[in-house]
Amino acid sequence: MKNNKVTINDIAAALSVSSVSVSRALSGQTGVGEELKNKIIEKAKELGYEKSKKADQFNILVLHQKPYKEDNSNFSSMVQGVEKFLQNTNSDYSVEFVDNDNQKQLTLPYKLSKGIQFDGAILIGRFTLKYLSFIQGKIDNLVFFTGYYPSVDCDCIRFNFVNAGYKLCELLIKKGHTKIGFIGNSRFIRNKESILGITTALEDYKLPSKNEYFIPSEAEYSSSLIELIRTANLPSAFICEDDIKAVELMKFLTSQKIKVPGDVSVIGSGNTDISSLSTPTLTTLDLNLEYACQAVVETLLKRITNPNKPYENIAILSSLIERESVKSLRS
């Protein structure tokens, strides 16, 4: 059990150093040698020291594993949204990028390597399980944002892609489509969930689910589409894993003299900028990112203030955005 009454003076006395040195080391300030700083931090942990702070102010580390670039994804919106809600809580925070090499080498995030202590961390995206275990050993309270791991007991905020797949498939069915396909990376959990939603909707409406209509995109997938075109077996609609894949598909179909949505309807996911700029404009799903970012921050603060509560896995439902890329087949 940690003793909340342990003070900076207690640590200083135990190490025969000044309280000023202890204070600087525990707050990450300069003026303390690296060796002494590490001794102070270890002694503080050993004695069960907890830095006193306001109930609504914490020090949070935000880690992400995707570099900033213009890629028409929602990644930057997720990072900015988390920052916005952390600022609203008066929390101090640091945002750091951890690339694949640093994950493989189990490299400490920069601020952690400098001895700065964090009350909790938000991990945006999917990290390696080995690196997650490494970070869990350094920071007590973690929340995953979109990076869902069935094997890990931890708080997680993600998007409900089973509901999303069902919702999109049902939209197409109600518009008269009976031959419905899906294009996405078959290794991604979110796509496995989307396919479950799609096939469940097809089953509920007594429609067939054909394996050849579910096309994995981790390898070159144009050959699968060309074979469907050659055999006159192309679905009347495709649901894609994201907006970028949907726009790629529309471009490919157009190159094959197949009209969208005249011959084939196409749906994306994410409601990113590209979805409203494409030709035709793209029917898609809005993931309700702002609400999800708020839920991430609130869940982490609940975990910090109540560390023994059960873990939560919160799946945010998306909202349908109908545009021009879907054609109704009903007369």
C-alpha atoms as a PDB file:
ATOM      1  CA  MET A   1       0.000   0.000   0.000  1.00  0.00           C
ATOM      2  CA  LYS A   2       1.267   3.437  -0.859  1.00  0.00           C
ATOM      3  CA  ASN A   3       1.567   5.926   1.960  1.00  0.00           C
ATOM      4  CA  ASN A   4       0.144   9.278   0.884  1.00  0.00           C
ATOM      5  CA  LYS A   5       1.861  10.998   3.821  1.00  0.00           C
ATOM      6  CA  VAL A   6       5.365  10.464   2.445  1.00  0.00           C
ATOM      7  CA  THR A   7       6.838  13.902   1.713  1.00  0.00           C
ATOM      8  CA  ILE A   8       9.714  15.342  -0.269  1.00  0.00           C
ATOM      9  CA  ASN A   9      11.511  15.883   3.045  1.00  0.00           C
ATOM     10  CA  ASP A  10      11.181  12.165   3.846  1.00  0.00           C
ATOM     11  CA  ILE A  11      12.850  11.251   0.568  1.00  0.00           C
ATOM     12  CA  ALA A  12      15.558  13.860   1.095  1.00  0.00           C
ATOM     13  CA  ALA A  13      16.300  12.524   4.578  1.00  0.00           C
ATOM     14  CA  ALA A  14      16.444   8.929   3.349  1.00  0.00           C
ATOM     15  CA  LEU A  15      19.056   9.852   0.735  1.00  0.00           C
ATOM     16  CA  SER A  16      20.850  12.577   2.743  1.00  0.00           C
ATOM     17  CA  VAL A  17      20.254  15.137  -0.007  1.00  0.00           C
ATOM     18  CA  SER A  18      18.505  18.501  -0.064  1.00  0.00           C
ATOM     19  CA  SER A  19      14.739  18.752  -0.453  1.00  0.00           C
ATOM     20  CA  VAL A  20      15.351  21.151  -3.361  1.00  0.00           C
ATOM     21  CA  SER A  21      17.185  18.409  -5.266  1.00  0.00           C
ATOM     22  CA  VAL A  22      14.331  15.970  -4.605  1.00  0.00           C
ATOM     23  CA  SER A  23      11.736  18.485  -5.771  1.00  0.00           C
ATOM     24  CA  ARG A  24      13.642  19.203  -8.979  1.00  0.00           C
ATOM     25  CA  ALA A  25      14.162  15.521  -9.744  1.00  0.00           C
ATOM     26  CA  LEU A  26      10.518  14.574  -9.220  1.00  0.00           C
ATOM     27  CA  SER A  27       9.220  17.483 -11.322  1.00  0.00           C
ATOM     28  CA  GLY A  28      11.655  16.854 -14.204  1.00  0.00           C
ATOM     29  CA  GLN A  29      13.543  20.112 -13.750  1.00  0.00           C
ATOM     30  CA  THR A  30      17.215  20.644 -14.538  1.00  0.00           C
ATOM     31  CA  GLY A  31      19.916  21.078 -11.911  1.00  0.00           C
ATOM     32  CA  VAL A  32      20.109  17.466 -10.734  1.00  0.00           C
ATOM     33  CA  GLY A  33      22.587  14.923 -12.119  1.00  0.00           C
ATOM     34  CA  GLU A  34      21.173  11.907 -13.956  1.00  0.00           C
ATOM     35  CA  GLU A  35      22.499   9.393 -11.416  1.00  0.00           C
ATOM     36  CA  LEU A  36      21.073  11.292  -8.451  1.00  0.00           C
ATOM     37  CA  LYS A  37      17.803  11.879 -10.245  1.00  0.00           C
ATOM     38  CA  ASN A  38      17.369   8.140 -10.808  1.00  0.00           C
ATOM     39  CA  LYS A  39      18.153   7.421  -7.142  1.00  0.00           C
ATOM     40  CA  ILE A  40      15.561   9.965  -6.030  1.00  0.00           C
ATOM     41  CA  ILE A  41      12.903   8.564  -8.348  1.00  0.00           C
ATOM     42  CA  GLU A  42      13.574   4.998  -7.200  1.00  0.00           C
ATOM     43  CA  LYS A  43      13.499   6.008  -3.535  1.00  0.00           C
ATOM     44  CA  ALA A  44      10.239   7.876  -4.081  1.00  0.00           C
ATOM     45  CA  LYS A  45       8.689   4.746  -5.575  1.00  0.00           C
ATOM     46  CA  GLU A  46      10.083   2.604  -2.784  1.00  0.00           C
ATOM     47  CA  LEU A  47       8.568   4.858  -0.098  1.00  0.00           C
ATOM     48  CA  GLY A  48       5.263   5.180  -1.918  1.00  0.00           C
ATOM     49  CA  TYR A  49       5.515   8.916  -2.555  1.00  0.00           C
ATOM     50  CA  GLU A  50       2.617  10.502  -4.423  1.00  0.00           C
ATOM     51  CA  LYS A  51       2.914  14.052  -5.685  1.00  0.00           C
ATOM     52  CA  SER A  52       0.220  16.247  -4.226  1.00  0.00           C
ATOM     53  CA  LYS A  53      -1.945  17.934  -6.831  1.00  0.00           C
ATOM     54  CA  LYS A  54      -5.370  19.326  -7.474  1.00  0.00           C
ATOM     55  CA  ALA A  55      -8.055  16.737  -7.999  1.00  0.00           C
ATOM     56  CA  ASP A  56      -8.643  17.973 -11.549  1.00  0.00           C
ATOM     57  CA  GLN A  57      -5.012  18.325 -12.635  1.00  0.00           C
ATOM     58  CA  PHE A  58      -2.854  15.433 -13.802  1.00  0.00           C
ATOM     59  CA  ASN A  59       0.191  14.872 -15.954  1.00  0.00           C
ATOM     60  CA  ILE A  60      -0.759  12.810 -19.013  1.00  0.00           C
ATOM     61  CA  LEU A  61       1.391  11.244 -21.715  1.00  0.00           C
ATOM     62  CA  VAL A  62      -0.160  10.867 -25.178  1.00  0.00           C
ATOM     63  CA  LEU A  63       1.616   8.369 -27.430  1.00  0.00           C
ATOM     64  CA  HIS A  64       0.869   7.742 -31.102  1.00  0.00           C
ATOM     65  CA  GLN A  65       2.497   5.463 -33.652  1.00  0.00           C
ATOM     66  CA  LYS A  66       1.629   7.317 -36.855  1.00  0.00           C
ATOM     67  CA  PRO A  67       3.690  10.205 -38.265  1.00  0.00           C
ATOM     68  CA  TYR A  68       1.972  13.486 -39.074  1.00  0.00           C
ATOM     69  CA  LYS A  69       1.341  13.825 -42.792  1.00  0.00           C
ATOM     70  CA  GLU A  70      -1.400  14.824 -45.175  1.00  0.00           C
ATOM     71  CA  ASP A  71      -3.086  11.481 -45.708  1.00  0.00           C
ATOM     72  CA  ASN A  72      -6.799  12.319 -45.611  1.00  0.00           C
ATOM     73  CA  SER A  73      -7.228  10.192 -42.501  1.00  0.00           C
ATOM     74  CA  ASN A  74      -8.791  11.168 -39.178  1.00  0.00           C
ATOM     75  CA  PHE A  75      -5.528  10.732 -37.301  1.00  0.00           C
ATOM     76  CA  SER A  76      -4.703  14.411 -36.811  1.00  0.00           C
ATOM     77  CA  SER A  77      -8.295  15.070 -35.710  1.00  0.00           C
ATOM     78  CA  MET A  78      -7.956  12.367 -33.068  1.00  0.00           C
ATOM     79  CA  VAL A  79      -4.738  13.824 -31.660  1.00  0.00           C
ATOM     80  CA  GLN A  80      -6.092  17.367 -31.706  1.00  0.00           C
ATOM     81  CA  GLY A  81      -9.366  16.270 -30.139  1.00  0.00           C
ATOM     82  CA  VAL A  82      -7.584  14.520 -27.272  1.00  0.00           C
ATOM     83  CA  GLU A  83      -5.462  17.630 -26.723  1.00  0.00           C
ATOM     84  CA  LYS A  84      -8.559  19.831 -26.668  1.00  0.00           C
ATOM     85  CA  PHE A  85     -10.266  17.836 -23.935  1.00  0.00           C
ATOM     86  CA  LEU A  86      -7.072  17.482 -21.903  1.00  0.00           C
ATOM     87  CA  GLN A  87      -6.760  21.256 -21.990  1.00  0.00           C
ATOM     88  CA  ASN A  88     -10.370  21.568 -20.839  1.00  0.00           C
ATOM     89  CA  THR A  89      -9.505  19.552 -17.712  1.00  0.00           C
ATOM     90  CA  ASN A  90      -6.453  21.710 -16.875  1.00  0.00           C
ATOM     91  CA  SER A  91      -4.251  18.637 -17.178  1.00  0.00           C
ATOM     92  CA  ASP A  92      -0.591  18.916 -18.143  1.00  0.00           C
ATOM     93  CA  TYR A  93       0.248  16.656 -21.063  1.00  0.00           C
ATOM     94  CA  SER A  94       2.938  15.693 -23.553  1.00  0.00           C
ATOM     95  CA  VAL A  95       2.397  14.228 -27.035  1.00  0.00           C
ATOM     96  CA  GLU A  96       5.052  11.912 -28.478  1.00  0.00           C
ATOM     97  CA  PHE A  97       5.460   9.831 -31.639  1.00  0.00           C
ATOM     98  CA  VAL A  98       6.828   6.283 -31.190  1.00  0.00           C
ATOM     99  CA  ASP A  99       7.927   4.678 -34.448  1.00  0.00           C
ATOM    100  CA  ASN A 100       8.196   0.955 -35.150  1.00  0.00           C
ATOM    101  CA  ASP A 101      11.940   0.815 -34.490  1.00  0.00           C
ATOM    102  CA  ASN A 102      11.559   2.377 -31.030  1.00  0.00           C
ATOM    103  CA  GLN A 103       8.787  -0.081 -30.255  1.00  0.00           C
ATOM    104  CA  LYS A 104      10.946  -3.031 -31.288  1.00  0.00           C
ATOM    105  CA  GLN A 105      13.869  -1.731 -29.213  1.00  0.00           C
ATOM    106  CA  LEU A 106      11.600  -0.910 -26.240  1.00  0.00           C
ATOM    107  CA  THR A 107      12.844   2.665 -26.195  1.00  0.00           C
ATOM    108  CA  LEU A 108      11.350   4.848 -23.480  1.00  0.00           C
ATOM    109  CA  PRO A 109       9.339   7.862 -24.642  1.00  0.00           C
ATOM    110  CA  TYR A 110      11.509  10.969 -24.360  1.00  0.00           C
ATOM    111  CA  LYS A 111       9.811  12.512 -21.316  1.00  0.00           C
ATOM    112  CA  LEU A 112       9.827   9.202 -19.436  1.00  0.00           C
ATOM    113  CA  SER A 113      13.528   8.795 -20.186  1.00  0.00           C
ATOM    114  CA  LYS A 114      14.090  12.142 -18.488  1.00  0.00           C
ATOM    115  CA  GLY A 115      12.497  10.895 -15.280  1.00  0.00           C
ATOM    116  CA  ILE A 116       9.222  12.787 -15.629  1.00  0.00           C
ATOM    117  CA  GLN A 117       6.374  10.954 -13.936  1.00  0.00           C
ATOM    118  CA  PHE A 118       2.954  10.591 -15.514  1.00  0.00           C
ATOM    119  CA  ASP A 119      -0.356   9.790 -13.866  1.00  0.00           C
ATOM    120  CA  GLY A 120      -1.680   8.126 -16.993  1.00  0.00           C
ATOM    121  CA  ALA A 121      -1.220   7.651 -20.714  1.00  0.00           C
ATOM    122  CA  ILE A 122      -3.411   7.651 -23.813  1.00  0.00           C
ATOM    123  CA  LEU A 123      -2.174   5.408 -26.631  1.00  0.00           C
ATOM    124  CA  ILE A 124      -3.597   6.343 -30.029  1.00  0.00           C
ATOM    125  CA  GLY A 125      -3.491   3.571 -32.617  1.00  0.00           C
ATOM    126  CA  ARG A 126      -2.211   0.030 -32.455  1.00  0.00           C
ATOM    127  CA  PHE A 127       1.142  -0.631 -30.757  1.00  0.00           C
ATOM    128  CA  THR A 128       2.958  -3.956 -30.440  1.00  0.00           C
ATOM    129  CA  LEU A 129       1.882  -6.059 -27.466  1.00  0.00           C
ATOM    130  CA  LYS A 130       5.476  -6.188 -26.236  1.00  0.00           C
ATOM    131  CA  TYR A 131       5.715  -2.406 -26.218  1.00  0.00           C
ATOM    132  CA  LEU A 132       2.349  -2.089 -24.487  1.00  0.00           C
ATOM    133  CA  SER A 133       3.565  -4.371 -21.707  1.00  0.00           C
ATOM    134  CA  PHE A 134       6.724  -2.261 -21.491  1.00  0.00           C
ATOM    135  CA  ILE A 135       4.723   0.976 -21.062  1.00  0.00           C
ATOM    136  CA  GLN A 136       2.342  -0.659 -18.579  1.00  0.00           C
ATOM    137  CA  GLY A 137       5.382  -1.329 -16.415  1.00  0.00           C
ATOM    138  CA  LYS A 138       6.205   2.387 -16.393  1.00  0.00           C
ATOM    139  CA  ILE A 139       2.778   4.047 -16.162  1.00  0.00           C
ATOM    140  CA  ASP A 140      -0.049   2.642 -14.060  1.00  0.00           C
ATOM    141  CA  ASN A 141      -3.101   4.017 -15.874  1.00  0.00           C
ATOM    142  CA  LEU A 142      -3.546   3.508 -19.616  1.00  0.00           C
ATOM    143  CA  VAL A 143      -6.369   4.048 -22.080  1.00  0.00           C
ATOM    144  CA  PHE A 144      -6.217   2.749 -25.662  1.00  0.00           C
ATOM    145  CA  PHE A 145      -7.816   4.869 -28.379  1.00  0.00           C
ATOM    146  CA  THR A 146      -8.846   2.728 -31.400  1.00  0.00           C
ATOM    147  CA  GLY A 147      -6.092   0.171 -30.700  1.00  0.00           C
ATOM    148  CA  TYR A 148      -8.278  -2.642 -29.392  1.00  0.00           C
ATOM    149  CA  TYR A 149      -6.488  -5.752 -28.069  1.00  0.00           C
ATOM    150  CA  PRO A 150      -8.709  -8.730 -27.147  1.00  0.00           C
ATOM    151  CA  SER A 151      -5.877 -10.228 -25.083  1.00  0.00           C
ATOM    152  CA  VAL A 152      -5.264  -7.145 -22.904  1.00  0.00           C
ATOM    153  CA  ASP A 153      -7.344  -6.045 -19.923  1.00  0.00           C
ATOM    154  CA  CYS A 154      -7.291  -2.272 -20.193  1.00  0.00           C
ATOM    155  CA  ASP A 155      -9.640   0.651 -20.778  1.00  0.00           C
ATOM    156  CA  CYS A 156     -10.323   1.181 -24.476  1.00  0.00           C
ATOM    157  CA  ILE A 157     -12.325   3.644 -26.576  1.00  0.00           C
ATOM    158  CA  ARG A 158     -12.958   2.469 -30.114  1.00  0.00           C
ATOM    159  CA  PHE A 159     -15.553   2.515 -32.867  1.00  0.00           C
ATOM    160  CA  ASN A 160     -18.292  -0.082 -33.234  1.00  0.00           C
ATOM    161  CA  PHE A 161     -17.592  -1.532 -36.665  1.00  0.00           C
ATOM    162  CA  VAL A 162     -20.055  -4.412 -36.260  1.00  0.00           C
ATOM    163  CA  ASN A 163     -22.820  -1.822 -36.049  1.00  0.00           C
ATOM    164  CA  ALA A 164     -21.188   0.152 -38.876  1.00  0.00           C
ATOM    165  CA  GLY A 165     -21.065  -2.846 -41.213  1.00  0.00           C
ATOM    166  CA  TYR A 166     -24.664  -3.752 -40.452  1.00  0.00           C
ATOM    167  CA  LYS A 167     -25.836  -0.170 -40.890  1.00  0.00           C
ATOM    168  CA  LEU A 168     -24.170   0.257 -44.283  1.00  0.00           C
ATOM    169  CA  CYS A 169     -25.297  -3.122 -45.576  1.00  0.00           C
ATOM    170  CA  GLU A 170     -28.868  -2.473 -44.472  1.00  0.00           C
ATOM    171  CA  LEU A 171     -28.829   0.888 -46.289  1.00  0.00           C
ATOM    172  CA  LEU A 172     -27.850  -0.882 -49.501  1.00  0.00           C
ATOM    173  CA  ILE A 173     -30.418  -3.649 -49.028  1.00  0.00           C
ATOM    174  CA  LYS A 174     -33.203  -1.103 -48.525  1.00  0.00           C
ATOM    175  CA  LYS A 175     -32.122   0.535 -51.772  1.00  0.00           C
ATOM    176  CA  GLY A 176     -32.563  -2.766 -53.596  1.00  0.00           C
ATOM    177  CA  HIS A 177     -29.013  -4.149 -53.596  1.00  0.00           C
ATOM    178  CA  THR A 178     -28.693  -7.915 -53.102  1.00  0.00           C
ATOM    179  CA  LYS A 179     -25.088  -8.508 -54.274  1.00  0.00           C
ATOM    180  CA  ILE A 180     -22.913  -6.653 -51.751  1.00  0.00           C
ATOM    181  CA  GLY A 181     -19.130  -6.839 -51.364  1.00  0.00           C
ATOM    182  CA  PHE A 182     -16.448  -5.546 -49.016  1.00  0.00           C
ATOM    183  CA  ILE A 183     -12.856  -4.399 -49.618  1.00  0.00           C
ATOM    184  CA  GLY A 184     -10.412  -4.054 -46.720  1.00  0.00           C
ATOM    185  CA  ASN A 185      -7.355  -5.479 -45.003  1.00  0.00           C
ATOM    186  CA  SER A 186      -8.433  -8.881 -43.712  1.00  0.00           C
ATOM    187  CA  ARG A 187      -5.923  -8.760 -40.831  1.00  0.00           C
ATOM    188  CA  PHE A 188      -7.448  -5.704 -39.160  1.00  0.00           C
ATOM    189  CA  ILE A 189      -9.827  -6.400 -36.278  1.00  0.00           C
ATOM    190  CA  ARG A 190     -12.061  -3.516 -37.306  1.00  0.00           C
ATOM    191  CA  ASN A 191     -12.550  -5.090 -40.748  1.00  0.00           C
ATOM    192  CA  LYS A 192     -13.340  -8.486 -39.261  1.00  0.00           C
ATOM    193  CA  GLU A 193     -16.001  -6.707 -37.205  1.00  0.00           C
ATOM    194  CA  SER A 194     -17.322  -4.868 -40.279  1.00  0.00           C
ATOM    195  CA  ILE A 195     -17.639  -8.154 -42.163  1.00  0.00           C
ATOM    196  CA  LEU A 196     -19.511  -9.658 -39.212  1.00  0.00           C
ATOM    197  CA  GLY A 197     -21.963  -6.752 -39.346  1.00  0.00           C
ATOM    198  CA  ILE A 198     -22.388  -7.074 -43.113  1.00  0.00           C
ATOM    199  CA  THR A 199     -22.928 -10.832 -43.109  1.00  0.00           C
ATOM    200  CA  THR A 200     -25.335 -10.552 -40.181  1.00  0.00           C
ATOM    201  CA  ALA A 201     -27.417  -8.019 -42.110  1.00  0.00           C
ATOM    202  CA  LEU A 202     -27.420 -10.248 -45.189  1.00  0.00           C
ATOM    203  CA  GLU A 203     -28.531 -13.197 -43.066  1.00  0.00           C
ATOM    204  CA  ASP A 204     -31.275 -11.164 -41.395  1.00  0.00           C
ATOM    205  CA  TYR A 205     -32.630 -10.152 -44.803  1.00  0.00           C
ATOM    206  CA  LYS A 206     -32.310 -13.722 -46.167  1.00  0.00           C
ATOM    207  CA  LEU A 207     -29.680 -12.748 -48.739  1.00  0.00           C
ATOM    208  CA  PRO A 208     -26.596 -14.802 -49.727  1.00  0.00           C
ATOM    209  CA  SER A 209     -23.084 -13.939 -48.578  1.00  0.00           C
ATOM    210  CA  LYS A 210     -20.524 -14.851 -51.253  1.00  0.00           C
ATOM    211  CA  ASN A 211     -16.871 -15.268 -50.307  1.00  0.00           C
ATOM    212  CA  GLU A 212     -15.639 -13.893 -53.641  1.00  0.00           C
ATOM    213  CA  TYR A 213     -17.327 -10.569 -52.850  1.00  0.00           C
ATOM    214  CA  PHE A 214     -15.177 -10.047 -49.728  1.00  0.00           C
ATOM    215  CA  ILE A 215     -11.848  -8.969 -51.163  1.00  0.00           C
ATOM    216  CA  PRO A 216      -8.731  -8.556 -48.975  1.00  0.00           C
ATOM    217  CA  SER A 217      -6.766  -5.400 -49.780  1.00  0.00           C
ATOM    218  CA  GLU A 218      -3.419  -6.103 -48.085  1.00  0.00           C
ATOM    219  CA  ALA A 219      -2.150  -7.408 -51.431  1.00  0.00           C
ATOM    220  CA  GLU A 220      -2.914  -6.263 -54.982  1.00  0.00           C
ATOM    221  CA  TYR A 221      -6.658  -6.724 -55.256  1.00  0.00           C
ATOM    222  CA  SER A 222      -7.380  -5.401 -58.765  1.00  0.00           C
ATOM    223  CA  SER A 223      -7.008  -8.904 -60.221  1.00  0.00           C
ATOM    224  CA  SER A 224      -9.907 -10.120 -58.063  1.00  0.00           C
ATOM    225  CA  LEU A 225     -12.063  -7.258 -59.325  1.00  0.00           C
ATOM    226  CA  ILE A 226     -11.066  -7.905 -62.936  1.00  0.00           C
ATOM    227  CA  GLU A 227     -12.071 -11.572 -62.576  1.00  0.00           C
ATOM    228  CA  LEU A 228     -15.479 -10.541 -61.227  1.00  0.00           C
ATOM    229  CA  ILE A 229     -15.885  -8.164 -64.163  1.00  0.00           C
ATOM    230  CA  ARG A 230     -14.762 -10.817 -66.669  1.00  0.00           C
ATOM    231  CA  THR A 231     -17.295 -13.333 -65.363  1.00  0.00           C
ATOM    232  CA  ALA A 232     -20.084 -10.718 -65.155  1.00  0.00           C
ATOM    233  CA  ASN A 233     -20.269 -11.411 -61.422  1.00  0.00           C
ATOM    234  CA  LEU A 234     -19.501  -7.956 -60.048  1.00  0.00           C
ATOM    235  CA  PRO A 235     -21.544  -6.940 -56.967  1.00  0.00           C
ATOM    236  CA  SER A 236     -23.906  -4.003 -57.392  1.00  0.00           C
ATOM    237  CA  ALA A 237     -22.332  -2.343 -54.336  1.00  0.00           C
ATOM    238  CA  PHE A 238     -19.076  -2.345 -52.363  1.00  0.00           C
ATOM    239  CA  ILE A 239     -18.479  -1.267 -48.780  1.00  0.00           C
ATOM    240  CA  CYS A 240     -14.853  -0.177 -48.261  1.00  0.00           C
ATOM    241  CA  GLU A 241     -12.774  -0.111 -45.080  1.00  0.00           C
ATOM    242  CA  ASP A 242     -12.243   3.657 -45.321  1.00  0.00           C
ATOM    243  CA  ASP A 243     -12.807   6.662 -47.561  1.00  0.00           C
ATOM    244  CA  ILE A 244      -9.403   6.413 -49.245  1.00  0.00           C
ATOM    245  CA  LYS A 245     -10.018   2.820 -50.283  1.00  0.00           C
ATOM    246  CA  ALA A 246     -13.458   3.813 -51.581  1.00  0.00           C
ATOM    247  CA  VAL A 247     -12.015   6.601 -53.738  1.00  0.00           C
ATOM    248  CA  GLU A 248      -9.334   4.197 -55.038  1.00  0.00           C
ATOM    249  CA  LEU A 249     -12.073   1.732 -55.940  1.00  0.00           C
ATOM    250  CA  MET A 250     -14.131   4.370 -57.756  1.00  0.00           C
ATOM    251  CA  LYS A 251     -11.056   5.380 -59.761  1.00  0.00           C
ATOM    252  CA  PHE A 252     -10.356   1.751 -60.700  1.00  0.00           C
ATOM    253  CA  LEU A 253     -13.958   1.033 -61.700  1.00  0.00           C
ATOM    254  CA  THR A 254     -14.025   4.158 -63.858  1.00  0.00           C
ATOM    255  CA  SER A 255     -10.846   2.966 -65.606  1.00  0.00           C
ATOM    256  CA  GLN A 256     -12.712  -0.260 -66.419  1.00  0.00           C
ATOM    257  CA  LYS A 257     -15.620   1.713 -67.958  1.00  0.00           C
ATOM    258  CA  ILE A 258     -17.842   0.901 -64.974  1.00  0.00           C
ATOM    259  CA  LYS A 259     -19.918   3.831 -63.760  1.00  0.00           C
ATOM    260  CA  VAL A 260     -20.252   4.824 -60.102  1.00  0.00           C
ATOM    261  CA  PRO A 261     -23.006   4.774 -58.982  1.00  0.00           C
ATOM    262  CA  GLY A 262     -24.697   3.889 -62.296  1.00  0.00           C
ATOM    263  CA  ASP A 263     -23.278   0.358 -62.411  1.00  0.00           C
ATOM    264  CA  VAL A 264     -21.768  -0.086 -58.949  1.00  0.00           C
ATOM    265  CA  SER A 265     -22.447   1.813 -55.731  1.00  0.00           C
ATOM    266  CA  VAL A 266     -19.517   2.522 -53.373  1.00  0.00           C
ATOM    267  CA  ILE A 267     -19.447   3.369 -49.664  1.00  0.00           C
ATOM    268  CA  GLY A 268     -16.524   4.501 -47.488  1.00  0.00           C
ATOM    269  CA  SER A 269     -15.968   5.128 -43.785  1.00  0.00           C
ATOM    270  CA  GLY A 270     -14.591   8.055 -41.795  1.00  0.00           C
ATOM    271  CA  ASN A 271     -16.268  11.103 -43.360  1.00  0.00           C
ATOM    272  CA  THR A 272     -12.822  12.520 -44.114  1.00  0.00           C
ATOM    273  CA  ASP A 273     -12.273  15.578 -46.317  1.00  0.00           C
ATOM    274  CA  ILE A 274     -11.807  13.444 -49.412  1.00  0.00           C
ATOM    275  CA  SER A 275     -15.327  12.008 -49.080  1.00  0.00           C
ATOM    276  CA  SER A 276     -16.990  15.334 -49.910  1.00  0.00           C
ATOM    277  CA  LEU A 277     -14.461  16.255 -52.624  1.00  0.00           C
ATOM    278  CA  SER A 278     -14.553  13.047 -54.660  1.00  0.00           C
ATOM    279  CA  THR A 279     -16.570  12.576 -57.841  1.00  0.00           C
ATOM    280  CA  PRO A 280     -19.186  11.408 -57.121  1.00  0.00           C
ATOM    281  CA  THR A 281     -19.263  12.565 -53.507  1.00  0.00           C
ATOM    282  CA  LEU A 282     -18.984   9.597 -51.180  1.00  0.00           C
ATOM    283  CA  THR A 283     -21.580   8.004 -48.953  1.00  0.00           C
ATOM    284  CA  THR A 284     -19.729   7.280 -45.719  1.00  0.00           C
ATOM    285  CA  LEU A 285     -19.869   7.061 -41.939  1.00  0.00           C
ATOM    286  CA  ASP A 286     -19.055   9.865 -39.537  1.00  0.00           C
ATOM    287  CA  LEU A 287     -17.237   8.243 -36.594  1.00  0.00           C
ATOM    288  CA  ASN A 288     -18.288  10.931 -34.068  1.00  0.00           C
ATOM    289  CA  LEU A 289     -14.636  11.645 -33.351  1.00  0.00           C
ATOM    290  CA  GLU A 290     -15.156  14.616 -31.062  1.00  0.00           C
ATOM    291  CA  TYR A 291     -17.318  12.603 -28.698  1.00  0.00           C
ATOM    292  CA  ALA A 292     -14.834   9.714 -28.823  1.00  0.00           C
ATOM    293  CA  CYS A 293     -11.951  12.043 -27.881  1.00  0.00           C
ATOM    294  CA  GLN A 294     -13.948  13.360 -24.940  1.00  0.00           C
ATOM    295  CA  ALA A 295     -14.712   9.800 -23.829  1.00  0.00           C
ATOM    296  CA  VAL A 296     -11.000   8.906 -23.983  1.00  0.00           C
ATOM    297  CA  VAL A 297      -9.993  11.723 -21.649  1.00  0.00           C
ATOM    298  CA  GLU A 298     -12.895  11.161 -19.250  1.00  0.00           C
ATOM    299  CA  THR A 299     -12.192   7.417 -19.077  1.00  0.00           C
ATOM    300  CA  LEU A 300      -8.520   7.993 -18.251  1.00  0.00           C
ATOM    301  CA  LEU A 301      -9.328  10.505 -15.505  1.00  0.00           C
ATOM    302  CA  LYS A 302     -11.828   8.043 -14.009  1.00  0.00           C
ATOM    303  CA  ARG A 303      -9.147   5.348 -14.059  1.00  0.00           C
ATOM    304  CA  ILE A 304      -6.614   7.622 -12.316  1.00  0.00           C
ATOM    305  CA  THR A 305      -9.037   8.625  -9.561  1.00  0.00           C
ATOM    306  CA  ASN A 306     -10.490   5.117  -9.193  1.00  0.00           C
ATOM    307  CA  PRO A 307      -7.730   2.660 -10.202  1.00  0.00           C
ATOM    308  CA  ASN A 308      -9.562  -0.426  -8.908  1.00  0.00           C
ATOM    309  CA  LYS A 309     -12.722  -0.033 -10.973  1.00  0.00           C
ATOM    310  CA  PRO A 310     -13.516  -2.614 -13.684  1.00  0.00           C
ATOM    311  CA  TYR A 311     -11.985  -1.978 -17.105  1.00  0.00           C
ATOM    312  CA  GLU A 312     -14.212  -0.420 -19.741  1.00  0.00           C
ATOM    313  CA  ASN A 313     -14.415  -1.139 -23.465  1.00  0.00           C
ATOM    314  CA  ILE A 314     -16.493   1.654 -24.973  1.00  0.00           C
ATOM    315  CA  ALA A 315     -17.524   1.283 -28.628  1.00  0.00           C
ATOM    316  CA  ILE A 316     -18.801   4.524 -30.182  1.00  0.00           C
ATOM    317  CA  LEU A 317     -21.531   4.226 -32.818  1.00  0.00           C
ATOM    318  CA  SER A 318     -21.126   6.060 -36.122  1.00  0.00           C
ATOM    319  CA  SER A 319     -23.577   8.244 -38.044  1.00  0.00           C
ATOM    320  CA  LEU A 320     -24.557   7.644 -41.670  1.00  0.00           C
ATOM    321  CA  ILE A 321     -23.731  10.367 -44.212  1.00  0.00           C
ATOM    322  CA  GLU A 322     -25.554   9.799 -47.511  1.00  0.00           C
ATOM    323  CA  ARG A 323     -24.124  11.366 -50.661  1.00  0.00           C
ATOM    324  CA  GLU A 324     -24.012  10.611 -54.400  1.00  0.00           C
ATOM    325  CA  SER A 325     -22.021   7.360 -54.623  1.00  0.00           C
ATOM    326  CA  VAL A 326     -24.980   5.067 -53.824  1.00  0.00           C
ATOM    327  CA  LYS A 327     -27.771   4.404 -56.321  1.00  0.00           C
ATOM    328  CA  SER A 328     -31.203   3.084 -55.447  1.00  0.00           C
ATOM    329  CA  LEU A 329     -32.211   0.060 -57.536  1.00  0.00           C
ATOM    330  CA  ARG A 330     -35.835   0.313 -56.532  1.00  0.00           C
ATOM    331  CA  SER A 331     -38.217   1.631 -59.159  1.00  0.00           C
END
